[in-house]
Amino acid sequence: DPYIAQEDQNRVIRGQVLTCVITSIAASSFLIII
């Protein structure tokens, strides 16, 4: 989004990064269980 405010952009990035990191943790945990 070329117009998005910097503070909003940082919050979007935070959500995206957290999703990726927690997805990695969840995938490893799930495969250990399987």
PDB file of all heavy atoms in Angstrom:
ATOM      1  N   ASP A   1       0.851  -1.184   0.000  1.00  0.00           N
ATOM      2  CA  ASP A   1       0.000   0.000   0.000  1.00  0.00           C
ATOM      3  C   ASP A   1       0.895   1.245   0.000  1.00  0.00           C
ATOM      4  O   ASP A   1       1.598   1.509   0.978  1.00  0.00           O
ATOM      5  CB  ASP A   1      -0.883  -0.013   1.246  1.00  0.00           C
ATOM      6  CG  ASP A   1      -1.860   1.152   1.292  1.00  0.00           C
ATOM      7  OD1 ASP A   1      -1.684   2.115   0.520  1.00  0.00           O
ATOM      8  OD2 ASP A   1      -2.799   1.087   2.110  1.00  0.00           O
ATOM      9  N   PRO A   2       0.894   2.035  -1.078  1.00  0.00           N
ATOM     10  CA  PRO A   2       1.800   3.187  -1.153  1.00  0.00           C
ATOM     11  C   PRO A   2       1.421   4.338  -0.230  1.00  0.00           C
ATOM     12  O   PRO A   2       2.225   5.234   0.005  1.00  0.00           O
ATOM     13  CB  PRO A   2       1.689   3.613  -2.613  1.00  0.00           C
ATOM     14  CG  PRO A   2       0.315   3.197  -3.026  1.00  0.00           C
ATOM     15  CD  PRO A   2       0.060   1.908  -2.287  1.00  0.00           C
ATOM     16  N   TYR A   3       0.194   4.325   0.288  1.00  0.00           N
ATOM     17  CA  TYR A   3      -0.275   5.442   1.111  1.00  0.00           C
ATOM     18  C   TYR A   3      -0.241   5.156   2.608  1.00  0.00           C
ATOM     19  O   TYR A   3      -0.348   6.072   3.408  1.00  0.00           O
ATOM     20  CB  TYR A   3      -1.718   5.811   0.728  1.00  0.00           C
ATOM     21  CG  TYR A   3      -1.925   6.072  -0.731  1.00  0.00           C
ATOM     22  CD1 TYR A   3      -2.640   5.183  -1.518  1.00  0.00           C
ATOM     23  CD2 TYR A   3      -1.399   7.212  -1.347  1.00  0.00           C
ATOM     24  CE1 TYR A   3      -2.840   5.411  -2.874  1.00  0.00           C
ATOM     25  CE2 TYR A   3      -1.585   7.451  -2.696  1.00  0.00           C
ATOM     26  CZ  TYR A   3      -2.306   6.546  -3.452  1.00  0.00           C
ATOM     27  OH  TYR A   3      -2.500   6.786  -4.794  1.00  0.00           O
ATOM     28  N   ILE A   4      -0.115   3.917   2.987  1.00  0.00           N
ATOM     29  CA  ILE A   4      -0.268   3.523   4.380  1.00  0.00           C
ATOM     30  C   ILE A   4       0.679   4.291   5.297  1.00  0.00           C
ATOM     31  O   ILE A   4       1.846   4.538   4.966  1.00  0.00           O
ATOM     32  CB  ILE A   4      -0.033   1.997   4.536  1.00  0.00           C
ATOM     33  CG1 ILE A   4      -0.430   1.530   5.931  1.00  0.00           C
ATOM     34  CG2 ILE A   4       1.407   1.621   4.223  1.00  0.00           C
ATOM     35  CD1 ILE A   4      -0.445   0.024   6.079  1.00  0.00           C
ATOM     36  N   ALA A   5       0.165   4.701   6.458  1.00  0.00           N
ATOM     37  CA  ALA A   5       0.982   5.406   7.442  1.00  0.00           C
ATOM     38  C   ALA A   5       2.047   4.462   7.997  1.00  0.00           C
ATOM     39  O   ALA A   5       1.829   3.245   8.087  1.00  0.00           O
ATOM     40  CB  ALA A   5       0.098   5.927   8.571  1.00  0.00           C
ATOM     41  N   GLN A   6       3.189   5.017   8.361  1.00  0.00           N
ATOM     42  CA  GLN A   6       4.308   4.194   8.807  1.00  0.00           C
ATOM     43  C   GLN A   6       3.957   3.358  10.036  1.00  0.00           C
ATOM     44  O   GLN A   6       4.327   2.182  10.141  1.00  0.00           O
ATOM     45  CB  GLN A   6       5.527   5.073   9.117  1.00  0.00           C
ATOM     46  CG  GLN A   6       6.798   4.287   9.394  1.00  0.00           C
ATOM     47  CD  GLN A   6       7.189   3.404   8.223  1.00  0.00           C
ATOM     48  OE1 GLN A   6       7.315   3.871   7.099  1.00  0.00           O
ATOM     49  NE2 GLN A   6       7.380   2.118   8.478  1.00  0.00           N
ATOM     50  N   GLU A   7       3.220   3.954  10.967  1.00  0.00           N
ATOM     51  CA  GLU A   7       2.836   3.216  12.170  1.00  0.00           C
ATOM     52  C   GLU A   7       1.938   2.032  11.821  1.00  0.00           C
ATOM     53  O   GLU A   7       2.093   0.931  12.373  1.00  0.00           O
ATOM     54  CB  GLU A   7       2.120   4.149  13.150  1.00  0.00           C
ATOM     55  CG  GLU A   7       1.806   3.500  14.490  1.00  0.00           C
ATOM     56  CD  GLU A   7       1.175   4.453  15.468  1.00  0.00           C
ATOM     57  OE1 GLU A   7       1.158   5.677  15.181  1.00  0.00           O
ATOM     58  OE2 GLU A   7       0.680   3.988  16.521  1.00  0.00           O
ATOM     59  N   ASP A   8       1.014   2.248  10.894  1.00  0.00           N
ATOM     60  CA  ASP A   8       0.148   1.151  10.451  1.00  0.00           C
ATOM     61  C   ASP A   8       0.948   0.078   9.733  1.00  0.00           C
ATOM     62  O   ASP A   8       0.708  -1.118   9.909  1.00  0.00           O
ATOM     63  CB  ASP A   8      -0.945   1.691   9.521  1.00  0.00           C
ATOM     64  CG  ASP A   8      -1.946   2.570  10.256  1.00  0.00           C
ATOM     65  OD1 ASP A   8      -2.110   2.388  11.468  1.00  0.00           O
ATOM     66  OD2 ASP A   8      -2.542   3.450   9.608  1.00  0.00           O
ATOM     67  N   GLN A   9       1.905   0.506   8.909  1.00  0.00           N
ATOM     68  CA  GLN A   9       2.755  -0.441   8.198  1.00  0.00           C
ATOM     69  C   GLN A   9       3.542  -1.315   9.170  1.00  0.00           C
ATOM     70  O   GLN A   9       3.668  -2.526   8.971  1.00  0.00           O
ATOM     71  CB  GLN A   9       3.708   0.315   7.268  1.00  0.00           C
ATOM     72  CG  GLN A   9       4.751  -0.551   6.569  1.00  0.00           C
ATOM     73  CD  GLN A   9       4.152  -1.485   5.525  1.00  0.00           C
ATOM     74  OE1 GLN A   9       2.946  -1.469   5.281  1.00  0.00           O
ATOM     75  NE2 GLN A   9       4.991  -2.290   4.917  1.00  0.00           N
ATOM     76  N   ASN A  10       4.051  -0.712  10.228  1.00  0.00           N
ATOM     77  CA  ASN A  10       4.814  -1.472  11.217  1.00  0.00           C
ATOM     78  C   ASN A  10       3.931  -2.516  11.903  1.00  0.00           C
ATOM     79  O   ASN A  10       4.388  -3.633  12.177  1.00  0.00           O
ATOM     80  CB  ASN A  10       5.419  -0.530  12.260  1.00  0.00           C
ATOM     81  CG  ASN A  10       6.568   0.294  11.698  1.00  0.00           C
ATOM     82  OD1 ASN A  10       7.171  -0.067  10.687  1.00  0.00           O
ATOM     83  ND2 ASN A  10       6.870   1.397  12.349  1.00  0.00           N
ATOM     84  N   ARG A  11       2.686  -2.157  12.162  1.00  0.00           N
ATOM     85  CA  ARG A  11       1.777  -3.123  12.785  1.00  0.00           C
ATOM     86  C   ARG A  11       1.461  -4.273  11.830  1.00  0.00           C
ATOM     87  O   ARG A  11       1.370  -5.436  12.249  1.00  0.00           O
ATOM     88  CB  ARG A  11       0.481  -2.426  13.223  1.00  0.00           C
ATOM     89  CG  ARG A  11       0.639  -1.607  14.503  1.00  0.00           C
ATOM     90  CD  ARG A  11      -0.729  -1.286  15.102  1.00  0.00           C
ATOM     91  NE  ARG A  11      -1.456  -0.336  14.279  1.00  0.00           N
ATOM     92  CZ  ARG A  11      -1.471   0.967  14.486  1.00  0.00           C
ATOM     93  NH1 ARG A  11      -0.777   1.485  15.479  1.00  0.00           N
ATOM     94  NH2 ARG A  11      -2.178   1.767  13.710  1.00  0.00           N
ATOM     95  N   VAL A  12       1.306  -3.953  10.547  1.00  0.00           N
ATOM     96  CA  VAL A  12       1.065  -5.002   9.556  1.00  0.00           C
ATOM     97  C   VAL A  12       2.253  -5.957   9.490  1.00  0.00           C
ATOM     98  O   VAL A  12       2.093  -7.184   9.492  1.00  0.00           O
ATOM     99  CB  VAL A  12       0.798  -4.386   8.164  1.00  0.00           C
ATOM    100  CG1 VAL A  12       0.803  -5.475   7.088  1.00  0.00           C
ATOM    101  CG2 VAL A  12      -0.535  -3.647   8.151  1.00  0.00           C
ATOM    102  N   ILE A  13       3.457  -5.393   9.452  1.00  0.00           N
ATOM    103  CA  ILE A  13       4.667  -6.220   9.391  1.00  0.00           C
ATOM    104  C   ILE A  13       4.776  -7.095  10.632  1.00  0.00           C
ATOM    105  O   ILE A  13       5.132  -8.277  10.545  1.00  0.00           O
ATOM    106  CB  ILE A  13       5.922  -5.340   9.247  1.00  0.00           C
ATOM    107  CG1 ILE A  13       5.917  -4.618   7.902  1.00  0.00           C
ATOM    108  CG2 ILE A  13       7.189  -6.180   9.375  1.00  0.00           C
ATOM    109  CD1 ILE A  13       7.050  -3.620   7.737  1.00  0.00           C
ATOM    110  N   ARG A  14       4.449  -6.524  11.788  1.00  0.00           N
ATOM    111  CA  ARG A  14       4.524  -7.290  13.031  1.00  0.00           C
ATOM    112  C   ARG A  14       3.612  -8.514  12.959  1.00  0.00           C
ATOM    113  O   ARG A  14       4.012  -9.627  13.335  1.00  0.00           O
ATOM    114  CB  ARG A  14       4.147  -6.410  14.216  1.00  0.00           C
ATOM    115  CG  ARG A  14       4.296  -7.105  15.573  1.00  0.00           C
ATOM    116  CD  ARG A  14       4.049  -6.146  16.729  1.00  0.00           C
ATOM    117  NE  ARG A  14       5.060  -5.096  16.739  1.00  0.00           N
ATOM    118  CZ  ARG A  14       4.829  -3.821  16.418  1.00  0.00           C
ATOM    119  NH1 ARG A  14       3.613  -3.445  16.041  1.00  0.00           N
ATOM    120  NH2 ARG A  14       5.789  -2.929  16.450  1.00  0.00           N
ATOM    121  N   GLY A  15       2.404  -8.322  12.468  1.00  0.00           N
ATOM    122  CA  GLY A  15       1.493  -9.446  12.342  1.00  0.00           C
ATOM    123  C   GLY A  15       1.996 -10.492  11.357  1.00  0.00           C
ATOM    124  O   GLY A  15       1.896 -11.696  11.610  1.00  0.00           O
ATOM    125  N   GLN A  16       2.559 -10.053  10.239  1.00  0.00           N
ATOM    126  CA  GLN A  16       3.073 -10.974   9.229  1.00  0.00           C
ATOM    127  C   GLN A  16       4.263 -11.774   9.751  1.00  0.00           C
ATOM    128  O   GLN A  16       4.347 -12.998   9.552  1.00  0.00           O
ATOM    129  CB  GLN A  16       3.471 -10.190   7.976  1.00  0.00           C
ATOM    130  CG  GLN A  16       2.294  -9.563   7.244  1.00  0.00           C
ATOM    131  CD  GLN A  16       2.739  -8.604   6.158  1.00  0.00           C
ATOM    132  OE1 GLN A  16       3.774  -7.944   6.272  1.00  0.00           O
ATOM    133  NE2 GLN A  16       1.951  -8.498   5.097  1.00  0.00           N
ATOM    134  N   VAL A  17       5.182 -11.096  10.421  1.00  0.00           N
ATOM    135  CA  VAL A  17       6.380 -11.763  10.938  1.00  0.00           C
ATOM    136  C   VAL A  17       6.007 -12.753  12.037  1.00  0.00           C
ATOM    137  O   VAL A  17       6.498 -13.893  12.063  1.00  0.00           O
ATOM    138  CB  VAL A  17       7.394 -10.726  11.458  1.00  0.00           C
ATOM    139  CG1 VAL A  17       8.549 -11.419  12.184  1.00  0.00           C
ATOM    140  CG2 VAL A  17       7.934  -9.885  10.309  1.00  0.00           C
ATOM    141  N   LEU A  18       5.128 -12.344  12.936  1.00  0.00           N
ATOM    142  CA  LEU A  18       4.688 -13.242  14.005  1.00  0.00           C
ATOM    143  C   LEU A  18       4.011 -14.483  13.432  1.00  0.00           C
ATOM    144  O   LEU A  18       4.227 -15.600  13.918  1.00  0.00           O
ATOM    145  CB  LEU A  18       3.729 -12.504  14.938  1.00  0.00           C
ATOM    146  CG  LEU A  18       4.356 -11.589  15.992  1.00  0.00           C
ATOM    147  CD1 LEU A  18       3.280 -10.784  16.700  1.00  0.00           C
ATOM    148  CD2 LEU A  18       5.159 -12.405  16.997  1.00  0.00           C
ATOM    149  N   THR A  19       3.211 -14.291  12.393  1.00  0.00           N
ATOM    150  CA  THR A  19       2.545 -15.423  11.764  1.00  0.00           C
ATOM    151  C   THR A  19       3.559 -16.428  11.228  1.00  0.00           C
ATOM    152  O   THR A  19       3.414 -17.643  11.417  1.00  0.00           O
ATOM    153  CB  THR A  19       1.638 -14.944  10.617  1.00  0.00           C
ATOM    154  OG1 THR A  19       0.617 -14.093  11.139  1.00  0.00           O
ATOM    155  CG2 THR A  19       0.981 -16.116   9.909  1.00  0.00           C
ATOM    156  N   CYS A  20       4.600 -15.935  10.565  1.00  0.00           N
ATOM    157  CA  CYS A  20       5.618 -16.829  10.000  1.00  0.00           C
ATOM    158  C   CYS A  20       6.384 -17.573  11.091  1.00  0.00           C
ATOM    159  O   CYS A  20       6.613 -18.790  10.993  1.00  0.00           O
ATOM    160  CB  CYS A  20       6.594 -16.021   9.136  1.00  0.00           C
ATOM    161  SG  CYS A  20       5.901 -15.428   7.588  1.00  0.00           S
ATOM    162  N   VAL A  21       6.787 -16.866  12.137  1.00  0.00           N
ATOM    163  CA  VAL A  21       7.574 -17.487  13.204  1.00  0.00           C
ATOM    164  C   VAL A  21       6.742 -18.522  13.957  1.00  0.00           C
ATOM    165  O   VAL A  21       7.206 -19.650  14.208  1.00  0.00           O
ATOM    166  CB  VAL A  21       8.113 -16.415  14.178  1.00  0.00           C
ATOM    167  CG1 VAL A  21       8.810 -17.080  15.365  1.00  0.00           C
ATOM    168  CG2 VAL A  21       9.089 -15.492  13.465  1.00  0.00           C
ATOM    169  N   ILE A  22       5.505 -18.168  14.304  1.00  0.00           N
ATOM    170  CA  ILE A  22       4.657 -19.102  15.041  1.00  0.00           C
ATOM    171  C   ILE A  22       4.254 -20.281  14.156  1.00  0.00           C
ATOM    172  O   ILE A  22       4.097 -21.411  14.634  1.00  0.00           O
ATOM    173  CB  ILE A  22       3.426 -18.376  15.603  1.00  0.00           C
ATOM    174  CG1 ILE A  22       3.872 -17.310  16.598  1.00  0.00           C
ATOM    175  CG2 ILE A  22       2.487 -19.362  16.283  1.00  0.00           C
ATOM    176  CD1 ILE A  22       2.750 -16.495  17.184  1.00  0.00           C
ATOM    177  N   THR A  23       4.102 -20.044  12.853  1.00  0.00           N
ATOM    178  CA  THR A  23       3.814 -21.146  11.931  1.00  0.00           C
ATOM    179  C   THR A  23       4.950 -22.162  11.939  1.00  0.00           C
ATOM    180  O   THR A  23       4.716 -23.378  11.925  1.00  0.00           O
ATOM    181  CB  THR A  23       3.607 -20.613  10.503  1.00  0.00           C
ATOM    182  OG1 THR A  23       2.442 -19.793  10.470  1.00  0.00           O
ATOM    183  CG2 THR A  23       3.441 -21.761   9.506  1.00  0.00           C
ATOM    184  N   SER A  24       6.189 -21.672  11.964  1.00  0.00           N
ATOM    185  CA  SER A  24       7.347 -22.567  12.020  1.00  0.00           C
ATOM    186  C   SER A  24       7.316 -23.403  13.293  1.00  0.00           C
ATOM    187  O   SER A  24       7.540 -24.622  13.264  1.00  0.00           O
ATOM    188  CB  SER A  24       8.641 -21.751  11.951  1.00  0.00           C
ATOM    189  OG  SER A  24       9.766 -22.583  12.123  1.00  0.00           O
ATOM    190  N   ILE A  25       7.032 -22.751  14.429  1.00  0.00           N
ATOM    191  CA  ILE A  25       6.964 -23.472  15.710  1.00  0.00           C
ATOM    192  C   ILE A  25       5.848 -24.515  15.669  1.00  0.00           C
ATOM    193  O   ILE A  25       6.031 -25.664  16.085  1.00  0.00           O
ATOM    194  CB  ILE A  25       6.730 -22.484  16.867  1.00  0.00           C
ATOM    195  CG1 ILE A  25       7.928 -21.529  17.001  1.00  0.00           C
ATOM    196  CG2 ILE A  25       6.485 -23.228  18.177  1.00  0.00           C
ATOM    197  CD1 ILE A  25       7.715 -20.420  18.001  1.00  0.00           C
ATOM    198  N   ALA A  26       4.686 -24.105  15.155  1.00  0.00           N
ATOM    199  CA  ALA A  26       3.534 -25.007  15.105  1.00  0.00           C
ATOM    200  C   ALA A  26       3.803 -26.200  14.192  1.00  0.00           C
ATOM    201  O   ALA A  26       3.435 -27.337  14.514  1.00  0.00           O
ATOM    202  CB  ALA A  26       2.301 -24.247  14.628  1.00  0.00           C
ATOM    203  N   ALA A  27       4.454 -25.955  13.057  1.00  0.00           N
ATOM    204  CA  ALA A  27       4.736 -27.048  12.115  1.00  0.00           C
ATOM    205  C   ALA A  27       5.677 -28.076  12.738  1.00  0.00           C
ATOM    206  O   ALA A  27       5.447 -29.287  12.633  1.00  0.00           O
ATOM    207  CB  ALA A  27       5.346 -26.478  10.839  1.00  0.00           C
ATOM    208  N   SER A  28       6.735 -27.604  13.391  1.00  0.00           N
ATOM    209  CA  SER A  28       7.678 -28.532  14.031  1.00  0.00           C
ATOM    210  C   SER A  28       6.988 -29.311  15.150  1.00  0.00           C
ATOM    211  O   SER A  28       7.173 -30.531  15.281  1.00  0.00           O
ATOM    212  CB  SER A  28       8.872 -27.760  14.597  1.00  0.00           C
ATOM    213  OG  SER A  28       9.590 -27.110  13.566  1.00  0.00           O
ATOM    214  N   SER A  29       6.184 -28.615  15.952  1.00  0.00           N
ATOM    215  CA  SER A  29       5.472 -29.277  17.050  1.00  0.00           C
ATOM    216  C   SER A  29       4.502 -30.325  16.517  1.00  0.00           C
ATOM    217  O   SER A  29       4.425 -31.441  17.051  1.00  0.00           O
ATOM    218  CB  SER A  29       4.712 -28.235  17.882  1.00  0.00           C
ATOM    219  OG  SER A  29       5.582 -27.240  18.384  1.00  0.00           O
ATOM    220  N   PHE A  30       3.783 -29.972  15.462  1.00  0.00           N
ATOM    221  CA  PHE A  30       2.813 -30.896  14.881  1.00  0.00           C
ATOM    222  C   PHE A  30       3.515 -32.147  14.344  1.00  0.00           C
ATOM    223  O   PHE A  30       3.047 -33.265  14.562  1.00  0.00           O
ATOM    224  CB  PHE A  30       2.061 -30.192  13.760  1.00  0.00           C
ATOM    225  CG  PHE A  30       1.146 -31.092  12.975  1.00  0.00           C
ATOM    226  CD1 PHE A  30      -0.021 -31.582  13.530  1.00  0.00           C
ATOM    227  CD2 PHE A  30       1.468 -31.460  11.670  1.00  0.00           C
ATOM    228  CE1 PHE A  30      -0.865 -32.420  12.811  1.00  0.00           C
ATOM    229  CE2 PHE A  30       0.638 -32.284  10.947  1.00  0.00           C
ATOM    230  CZ  PHE A  30      -0.532 -32.768  11.521  1.00  0.00           C
ATOM    231  N   LEU A  31       4.634 -31.959  13.680  1.00  0.00           N
ATOM    232  CA  LEU A  31       5.343 -33.109  13.114  1.00  0.00           C
ATOM    233  C   LEU A  31       5.949 -33.997  14.191  1.00  0.00           C
ATOM    234  O   LEU A  31       6.055 -35.217  14.013  1.00  0.00           O
ATOM    235  CB  LEU A  31       6.419 -32.621  12.143  1.00  0.00           C
ATOM    236  CG  LEU A  31       5.865 -32.026  10.839  1.00  0.00           C
ATOM    237  CD1 LEU A  31       6.988 -31.428  10.006  1.00  0.00           C
ATOM    238  CD2 LEU A  31       5.107 -33.071  10.045  1.00  0.00           C
ATOM    239  N   ILE A  32       6.350 -33.410  15.314  1.00  0.00           N
ATOM    240  CA  ILE A  32       6.832 -34.223  16.438  1.00  0.00           C
ATOM    241  C   ILE A  32       5.688 -35.093  16.959  1.00  0.00           C
ATOM    242  O   ILE A  32       5.864 -36.292  17.239  1.00  0.00           O
ATOM    243  CB  ILE A  32       7.385 -33.318  17.563  1.00  0.00           C
ATOM    244  CG1 ILE A  32       8.715 -32.692  17.130  1.00  0.00           C
ATOM    245  CG2 ILE A  32       7.586 -34.125  18.853  1.00  0.00           C
ATOM    246  CD1 ILE A  32       9.262 -31.674  18.114  1.00  0.00           C
ATOM    247  N   ILE A  33       4.505 -34.491  17.084  1.00  0.00           N
ATOM    248  CA  ILE A  33       3.337 -35.240  17.552  1.00  0.00           C
ATOM    249  C   ILE A  33       2.979 -36.353  16.573  1.00  0.00           C
ATOM    250  O   ILE A  33       2.712 -37.497  16.976  1.00  0.00           O
ATOM    251  CB  ILE A  33       2.142 -34.288  17.742  1.00  0.00           C
ATOM    252  CG1 ILE A  33       2.425 -33.310  18.885  1.00  0.00           C
ATOM    253  CG2 ILE A  33       0.865 -35.078  18.015  1.00  0.00           C
ATOM    254  CD1 ILE A  33       1.383 -32.222  19.029  1.00  0.00           C
ATOM    255  N   ILE A  34       2.987 -36.042  15.273  1.00  0.00           N
ATOM    256  CA  ILE A  34       2.654 -37.048  14.259  1.00  0.00           C
ATOM    257  C   ILE A  34       3.669 -38.185  14.273  1.00  0.00           C
ATOM    258  O   ILE A  34       3.311 -39.370  14.129  1.00  0.00           O
ATOM    259  CB  ILE A  34       2.584 -36.401  12.860  1.00  0.00           C
ATOM    260  CG1 ILE A  34       1.359 -35.508  12.747  1.00  0.00           C
ATOM    261  CG2 ILE A  34       2.566 -37.467  11.764  1.00  0.00           C
ATOM    262  CD1 ILE A  34       0.041 -36.231  12.894  1.00  0.00           C
TER     263      ILE A  34
END
